[in-house]
Amino acid sequence: MQDIITQKAAKIRMLAMDVDGILSDGQIIYSSNHVETKAFYVQDGVGLQALREAGIILAIITGRRSPMVDRRAQELGIHHVIQGRDDKFTALSKLAADLNLSLDECASMGDDLPDLKAIREAGLGISVPNGAPIVQQTADYVTTKAGGHGAVREVCELILQAQGKYDAFIQKFL
């Protein structure tokens, strides 16, 4: 099974991610001023920067809208941010077509029912252990780390290793 995952990951040219439950742990916290906050895992950010530097296109496709998502995307150099979209498969398909990518060249990472079709149809469908059971069953790969706690970094390293780019990523820090 791991060989199939490696083969699929070797073809990936774009990683599309949900936010709540993937880039964050899924909690939505409102301050007393009605301001929404989210926590993002720093190690995920390092992995995403490595993917971007390796030529992988990064995208966020999320059902909610939040200025925190725009801010985090800007920090990480993620130029493709689609918010307020419940039909994530259509958003993924359109973005792939706009970028002249096949769905086989796309990885889709999500945790809940709105992510299901995108995960099923992508070249590499990914979920997390805190994801809905049907989403986990549909995914090609379920991370060992939970969303918002290193799952994205795990996927970044998987893709880098499958494409023979992991050692160059590590060397940068030695």
C-alpha atoms as a PDB file:
ATOM      1  CA  MET A   1       0.000   0.000   0.000  1.00  0.00           C
ATOM      2  CA  GLN A   2       2.819   2.422   0.867  1.00  0.00           C
ATOM      3  CA  ASP A   3       4.317   1.897  -2.620  1.00  0.00           C
ATOM      4  CA  ILE A   4       1.037   3.039  -4.197  1.00  0.00           C
ATOM      5  CA  ILE A   5       0.991   6.132  -1.969  1.00  0.00           C
ATOM      6  CA  THR A   6       4.590   6.916  -2.929  1.00  0.00           C
ATOM      7  CA  GLN A   7       3.746   6.531  -6.631  1.00  0.00           C
ATOM      8  CA  LYS A   8       0.766   8.857  -6.287  1.00  0.00           C
ATOM      9  CA  ALA A   9       2.760  11.405  -4.257  1.00  0.00           C
ATOM     10  CA  ALA A  10       5.531  11.410  -6.870  1.00  0.00           C
ATOM     11  CA  LYS A  11       3.069  12.828  -9.437  1.00  0.00           C
ATOM     12  CA  ILE A  12       1.750  15.683  -7.278  1.00  0.00           C
ATOM     13  CA  ARG A  13       2.158  19.224  -8.601  1.00  0.00           C
ATOM     14  CA  MET A  14      -0.455  20.899  -6.366  1.00  0.00           C
ATOM     15  CA  LEU A  15      -1.536  20.405  -2.749  1.00  0.00           C
ATOM     16  CA  ALA A  16      -5.014  21.773  -1.948  1.00  0.00           C
ATOM     17  CA  MET A  17      -5.960  21.926   1.729  1.00  0.00           C
ATOM     18  CA  ASP A  18      -8.983  22.640   3.860  1.00  0.00           C
ATOM     19  CA  VAL A  19      -8.379  24.932   6.829  1.00  0.00           C
ATOM     20  CA  ASP A  20     -10.530  23.917   9.804  1.00  0.00           C
ATOM     21  CA  GLY A  21      -9.433  20.440  10.866  1.00  0.00           C
ATOM     22  CA  ILE A  22      -6.379  20.433   8.574  1.00  0.00           C
ATOM     23  CA  LEU A  23      -4.312  23.625   8.870  1.00  0.00           C
ATOM     24  CA  SER A  24      -5.964  24.239  12.248  1.00  0.00           C
ATOM     25  CA  ASP A  25      -7.331  21.763  14.771  1.00  0.00           C
ATOM     26  CA  GLY A  26     -10.889  22.649  13.805  1.00  0.00           C
ATOM     27  CA  GLN A  27     -11.702  24.816  16.797  1.00  0.00           C
ATOM     28  CA  ILE A  28     -13.225  28.213  16.154  1.00  0.00           C
ATOM     29  CA  ILE A  29     -12.620  30.642  18.987  1.00  0.00           C
ATOM     30  CA  TYR A  30     -14.432  33.964  19.265  1.00  0.00           C
ATOM     31  CA  SER A  31     -13.090  36.728  21.489  1.00  0.00           C
ATOM     32  CA  SER A  32     -15.385  38.886  23.592  1.00  0.00           C
ATOM     33  CA  ASN A  33     -15.132  41.420  20.747  1.00  0.00           C
ATOM     34  CA  HIS A  34     -16.586  38.814  18.342  1.00  0.00           C
ATOM     35  CA  VAL A  35     -13.227  38.389  16.616  1.00  0.00           C
ATOM     36  CA  GLU A  36     -12.513  34.904  15.294  1.00  0.00           C
ATOM     37  CA  THR A  37      -9.099  33.402  15.983  1.00  0.00           C
ATOM     38  CA  LYS A  38      -7.401  30.249  14.756  1.00  0.00           C
ATOM     39  CA  ALA A  39      -4.185  28.528  15.768  1.00  0.00           C
ATOM     40  CA  PHE A  40      -1.823  27.254  13.082  1.00  0.00           C
ATOM     41  CA  TYR A  41       1.001  24.756  13.619  1.00  0.00           C
ATOM     42  CA  VAL A  42       4.399  26.330  12.894  1.00  0.00           C
ATOM     43  CA  GLN A  43       5.991  23.099  11.620  1.00  0.00           C
ATOM     44  CA  ASP A  44       3.254  22.827   8.992  1.00  0.00           C
ATOM     45  CA  GLY A  45       4.365  26.218   7.724  1.00  0.00           C
ATOM     46  CA  VAL A  46       7.985  25.103   7.312  1.00  0.00           C
ATOM     47  CA  GLY A  47       6.819  22.067   5.342  1.00  0.00           C
ATOM     48  CA  LEU A  48       4.585  24.165   3.105  1.00  0.00           C
ATOM     49  CA  GLN A  49       7.429  26.575   2.381  1.00  0.00           C
ATOM     50  CA  ALA A  50       9.594  23.585   1.428  1.00  0.00           C
ATOM     51  CA  LEU A  51       6.916  22.324  -0.971  1.00  0.00           C
ATOM     52  CA  ARG A  52       6.556  25.756  -2.528  1.00  0.00           C
ATOM     53  CA  GLU A  53      10.340  26.004  -2.963  1.00  0.00           C
ATOM     54  CA  ALA A  54      10.279  22.539  -4.572  1.00  0.00           C
ATOM     55  CA  GLY A  55       7.830  23.841  -7.184  1.00  0.00           C
ATOM     56  CA  ILE A  56       4.615  22.426  -5.740  1.00  0.00           C
ATOM     57  CA  ILE A  57       1.622  24.765  -6.070  1.00  0.00           C
ATOM     58  CA  LEU A  58      -0.204  25.355  -2.789  1.00  0.00           C
ATOM     59  CA  ALA A  59      -3.916  26.073  -2.487  1.00  0.00           C
ATOM     60  CA  ILE A  60      -6.490  26.550   0.241  1.00  0.00           C
ATOM     61  CA  ILE A  61     -10.109  25.584  -0.423  1.00  0.00           C
ATOM     62  CA  THR A  62     -12.338  26.175   2.589  1.00  0.00           C
ATOM     63  CA  GLY A  63     -16.047  26.397   3.249  1.00  0.00           C
ATOM     64  CA  ARG A  64     -15.767  29.250   5.719  1.00  0.00           C
ATOM     65  CA  ARG A  65     -14.452  32.788   5.300  1.00  0.00           C
ATOM     66  CA  SER A  66     -11.897  34.238   7.667  1.00  0.00           C
ATOM     67  CA  PRO A  67      -9.346  37.037   7.483  1.00  0.00           C
ATOM     68  CA  MET A  68      -7.033  34.761   9.505  1.00  0.00           C
ATOM     69  CA  VAL A  69      -6.890  32.415   6.509  1.00  0.00           C
ATOM     70  CA  ASP A  70      -5.842  35.251   4.209  1.00  0.00           C
ATOM     71  CA  ARG A  71      -3.171  36.295   6.673  1.00  0.00           C
ATOM     72  CA  ARG A  72      -1.728  32.780   7.061  1.00  0.00           C
ATOM     73  CA  ALA A  73      -1.809  32.219   3.299  1.00  0.00           C
ATOM     74  CA  GLN A  74       0.050  35.478   2.737  1.00  0.00           C
ATOM     75  CA  GLU A  75       2.698  34.507   5.325  1.00  0.00           C
ATOM     76  CA  LEU A  76       3.254  31.188   3.551  1.00  0.00           C
ATOM     77  CA  GLY A  77       3.132  32.477  -0.020  1.00  0.00           C
ATOM     78  CA  ILE A  78      -0.048  30.573  -0.847  1.00  0.00           C
ATOM     79  CA  HIS A  79      -1.516  32.455  -3.814  1.00  0.00           C
ATOM     80  CA  HIS A  80      -4.568  30.279  -4.476  1.00  0.00           C
ATOM     81  CA  VAL A  81      -7.069  30.869  -1.661  1.00  0.00           C
ATOM     82  CA  ILE A  82     -10.711  29.952  -2.223  1.00  0.00           C
ATOM     83  CA  GLN A  83     -12.985  30.705   0.733  1.00  0.00           C
ATOM     84  CA  GLY A  84     -16.710  30.262   1.253  1.00  0.00           C
ATOM     85  CA  ARG A  85     -16.964  27.230  -1.052  1.00  0.00           C
ATOM     86  CA  ASP A  86     -18.882  24.178   0.090  1.00  0.00           C
ATOM     87  CA  ASP A  87     -18.419  22.463  -3.290  1.00  0.00           C
ATOM     88  CA  LYS A  88     -14.728  21.845  -2.911  1.00  0.00           C
ATOM     89  CA  PHE A  89     -14.523  19.360  -5.765  1.00  0.00           C
ATOM     90  CA  THR A  90     -15.758  21.932  -8.287  1.00  0.00           C
ATOM     91  CA  ALA A  91     -13.329  24.498  -6.867  1.00  0.00           C
ATOM     92  CA  LEU A  92     -10.454  22.000  -7.082  1.00  0.00           C
ATOM     93  CA  SER A  93     -11.373  20.964 -10.631  1.00  0.00           C
ATOM     94  CA  LYS A  94     -11.603  24.554 -11.844  1.00  0.00           C
ATOM     95  CA  LEU A  95      -8.330  25.553 -10.201  1.00  0.00           C
ATOM     96  CA  ALA A  96      -6.569  22.509 -11.666  1.00  0.00           C
ATOM     97  CA  ALA A  97      -7.922  23.312 -15.135  1.00  0.00           C
ATOM     98  CA  ASP A  98      -6.886  26.970 -14.805  1.00  0.00           C
ATOM     99  CA  LEU A  99      -3.360  25.806 -13.930  1.00  0.00           C
ATOM    100  CA  ASN A 100      -3.285  23.180 -16.717  1.00  0.00           C
ATOM    101  CA  LEU A 101      -3.088  20.330 -14.212  1.00  0.00           C
ATOM    102  CA  SER A 102      -4.873  17.006 -14.289  1.00  0.00           C
ATOM    103  CA  LEU A 103      -6.619  15.858 -11.119  1.00  0.00           C
ATOM    104  CA  ASP A 104      -4.005  13.077 -10.914  1.00  0.00           C
ATOM    105  CA  GLU A 105      -1.431  15.818 -10.315  1.00  0.00           C
ATOM    106  CA  CYS A 106      -3.453  17.225  -7.399  1.00  0.00           C
ATOM    107  CA  ALA A 107      -3.480  16.175  -3.765  1.00  0.00           C
ATOM    108  CA  SER A 108      -6.562  17.132  -1.759  1.00  0.00           C
ATOM    109  CA  MET A 109      -6.435  17.187   2.032  1.00  0.00           C
ATOM    110  CA  GLY A 110      -9.577  17.436   4.149  1.00  0.00           C
ATOM    111  CA  ASP A 111     -11.395  16.103   7.170  1.00  0.00           C
ATOM    112  CA  ASP A 112     -15.155  16.350   6.672  1.00  0.00           C
ATOM    113  CA  LEU A 113     -17.998  15.638   4.263  1.00  0.00           C
ATOM    114  CA  PRO A 114     -17.579  18.779   2.110  1.00  0.00           C
ATOM    115  CA  ASP A 115     -14.061  17.480   1.320  1.00  0.00           C
ATOM    116  CA  LEU A 116     -15.180  13.964   0.393  1.00  0.00           C
ATOM    117  CA  LYS A 117     -15.551  14.212  -3.398  1.00  0.00           C
ATOM    118  CA  ALA A 118     -12.353  16.239  -3.819  1.00  0.00           C
ATOM    119  CA  ILE A 119     -10.472  13.624  -1.790  1.00  0.00           C
ATOM    120  CA  ARG A 120     -12.000  10.791  -3.805  1.00  0.00           C
ATOM    121  CA  GLU A 121     -11.256  12.342  -7.206  1.00  0.00           C
ATOM    122  CA  ALA A 122      -7.790  13.797  -6.559  1.00  0.00           C
ATOM    123  CA  GLY A 123      -4.664  11.919  -7.542  1.00  0.00           C
ATOM    124  CA  LEU A 124      -3.806  11.684  -3.850  1.00  0.00           C
ATOM    125  CA  GLY A 125      -6.661  12.009  -1.358  1.00  0.00           C
ATOM    126  CA  ILE A 126      -5.582  12.686   2.205  1.00  0.00           C
ATOM    127  CA  SER A 127      -7.413  12.824   5.525  1.00  0.00           C
ATOM    128  CA  VAL A 128      -6.470  12.985   9.195  1.00  0.00           C
ATOM    129  CA  PRO A 129      -7.169  10.794  12.239  1.00  0.00           C
ATOM    130  CA  ASN A 130      -9.595  13.428  13.551  1.00  0.00           C
ATOM    131  CA  GLY A 131     -11.504  13.363  10.249  1.00  0.00           C
ATOM    132  CA  ALA A 132     -14.983  11.953   9.708  1.00  0.00           C
ATOM    133  CA  PRO A 133     -14.831   8.147   9.387  1.00  0.00           C
ATOM    134  CA  ILE A 134     -16.217   8.097   5.816  1.00  0.00           C
ATOM    135  CA  VAL A 135     -13.599  10.654   4.769  1.00  0.00           C
ATOM    136  CA  GLN A 136     -10.826   8.542   6.287  1.00  0.00           C
ATOM    137  CA  GLN A 137     -12.170   5.448   4.511  1.00  0.00           C
ATOM    138  CA  THR A 138     -12.252   7.287   1.179  1.00  0.00           C
ATOM    139  CA  ALA A 139      -8.771   8.797   1.466  1.00  0.00           C
ATOM    140  CA  ASP A 140      -5.724   7.157  -0.085  1.00  0.00           C
ATOM    141  CA  TYR A 141      -3.701   8.207   2.936  1.00  0.00           C
ATOM    142  CA  VAL A 142      -4.605   9.077   6.535  1.00  0.00           C
ATOM    143  CA  THR A 143      -1.895  10.940   8.412  1.00  0.00           C
ATOM    144  CA  THR A 144      -0.639   9.754  11.772  1.00  0.00           C
ATOM    145  CA  LYS A 145      -0.721  13.321  13.103  1.00  0.00           C
ATOM    146  CA  ALA A 146      -3.973  15.179  13.723  1.00  0.00           C
ATOM    147  CA  GLY A 147      -5.078  18.232  11.790  1.00  0.00           C
ATOM    148  CA  GLY A 148      -3.570  21.379  13.271  1.00  0.00           C
ATOM    149  CA  HIS A 149      -0.874  19.276  14.967  1.00  0.00           C
ATOM    150  CA  GLY A 150       1.564  18.364  12.202  1.00  0.00           C
ATOM    151  CA  ALA A 151      -0.610  16.547   9.661  1.00  0.00           C
ATOM    152  CA  VAL A 152       0.236  19.022   6.902  1.00  0.00           C
ATOM    153  CA  ARG A 153       3.974  18.756   7.637  1.00  0.00           C
ATOM    154  CA  GLU A 154       3.678  14.960   7.440  1.00  0.00           C
ATOM    155  CA  VAL A 155       2.109  15.258   3.981  1.00  0.00           C
ATOM    156  CA  CYS A 156       4.725  17.778   2.851  1.00  0.00           C
ATOM    157  CA  GLU A 157       7.492  15.372   3.830  1.00  0.00           C
ATOM    158  CA  LEU A 158       5.694  12.462   2.144  1.00  0.00           C
ATOM    159  CA  ILE A 159       5.523  14.384  -1.143  1.00  0.00           C
ATOM    160  CA  LEU A 160       9.114  15.629  -0.876  1.00  0.00           C
ATOM    161  CA  GLN A 161      10.379  12.088  -0.191  1.00  0.00           C
ATOM    162  CA  ALA A 162       8.357  10.582  -3.045  1.00  0.00           C
ATOM    163  CA  GLN A 163       9.779  13.177  -5.438  1.00  0.00           C
ATOM    164  CA  GLY A 164      13.376  12.761  -4.249  1.00  0.00           C
ATOM    165  CA  LYS A 165      13.481  16.312  -2.849  1.00  0.00           C
ATOM    166  CA  TYR A 166      13.512  15.592   0.878  1.00  0.00           C
ATOM    167  CA  ASP A 167      17.305  15.510   1.302  1.00  0.00           C
ATOM    168  CA  ALA A 168      17.652  18.925  -0.354  1.00  0.00           C
ATOM    169  CA  PHE A 169      15.020  20.247   2.069  1.00  0.00           C
ATOM    170  CA  ILE A 170      16.977  18.927   5.077  1.00  0.00           C
ATOM    171  CA  GLN A 171      20.350  20.098   3.739  1.00  0.00           C
ATOM    172  CA  LYS A 172      19.081  23.653   3.749  1.00  0.00           C
ATOM    173  CA  PHE A 173      19.082  23.533   7.559  1.00  0.00           C
ATOM    174  CA  LEU A 174      22.456  21.827   8.107  1.00  0.00           C
END
